[in-house]
């Protein structure tokens, strides 16, 4: 059973965002931290889109 590519890419984007946010917090870089938060939101939305596609395909 294959998972929609949006779910995989969304999870990766979300994870990358968490890393960016953590690095921004650690270094005090607000811009990097905010980019990380934005990436997490983007990843969650993309993952949700993939979930809907999977549901429509009956997976």
Protein backbone atom coordinates (compact mmCIF):
# COMPACT_ATOMS: atom_id res chain seq x y z
CA UNK A 1 0.00 0.00 0.00
CA UNK A 2 1.71 3.15 -1.25
CA UNK A 3 1.32 6.42 0.59
CA UNK A 4 0.67 9.63 -1.35
CA UNK A 5 3.86 11.59 -2.04
CA UNK A 6 2.32 14.69 -0.44
CA UNK A 7 2.20 12.87 2.88
CA UNK A 8 5.87 11.91 2.66
CA UNK A 9 6.97 15.38 1.53
CA UNK A 10 4.75 17.03 4.14
CA UNK A 11 6.26 14.95 6.92
CA UNK A 12 9.77 15.81 5.71
CA UNK A 13 8.95 19.52 5.53
CA UNK A 14 7.44 19.41 9.01
CA UNK A 15 10.52 17.69 10.40
CA UNK A 16 12.84 20.15 8.68
CA UNK A 17 10.81 22.97 10.16
CA UNK A 18 11.23 21.55 13.65
CA UNK A 19 14.99 21.41 13.12
CA UNK A 20 15.04 25.01 11.83
CA UNK A 21 12.92 26.22 14.73
CA UNK A 22 15.19 24.49 17.24
CA UNK A 23 18.31 25.92 15.61
CA UNK A 24 16.76 29.38 15.64
CA UNK A 25 15.91 29.09 19.32
CA UNK A 26 19.38 27.80 20.14
CA UNK A 27 21.16 30.59 18.27
CA UNK A 28 18.67 33.34 19.07
CA UNK A 29 17.90 33.77 15.36
CA UNK A 30 14.24 34.84 15.26
CA UNK A 31 14.10 34.74 11.45
CA UNK A 32 15.29 31.12 11.34
CA UNK A 33 12.92 30.18 14.15
CA UNK A 34 9.96 31.76 12.34
CA UNK A 35 10.92 30.06 9.07
CA UNK A 36 10.90 26.77 10.95
CA UNK A 37 7.43 27.39 12.33
CA UNK A 38 6.19 28.32 8.84
CA UNK A 39 7.74 25.16 7.37
CA UNK A 40 5.98 23.08 10.01
CA UNK A 41 2.61 24.58 9.08
CA UNK A 42 3.32 24.03 5.38
CA UNK A 43 4.30 20.41 6.09
CA UNK A 44 1.18 19.74 8.14
CA UNK A 45 -1.07 21.14 5.40
CA UNK A 46 0.74 19.13 2.73
CA UNK A 47 0.46 15.99 4.86
CA UNK A 48 -3.28 16.61 5.30
CA UNK A 49 -3.73 17.04 1.54
CA UNK A 50 -1.96 13.71 1.03
CA UNK A 51 -4.23 12.11 3.61
CA UNK A 52 -7.31 13.32 1.75
CA UNK A 53 -5.91 11.98 -1.53
CA UNK A 54 -5.23 8.62 0.12
CA UNK A 55 -8.77 8.56 1.55
CA UNK A 56 -10.24 9.29 -1.87
CA UNK A 57 -8.17 6.48 -3.35
CA UNK A 58 -9.42 4.16 -0.63
CA UNK A 59 -6.06 3.57 1.04
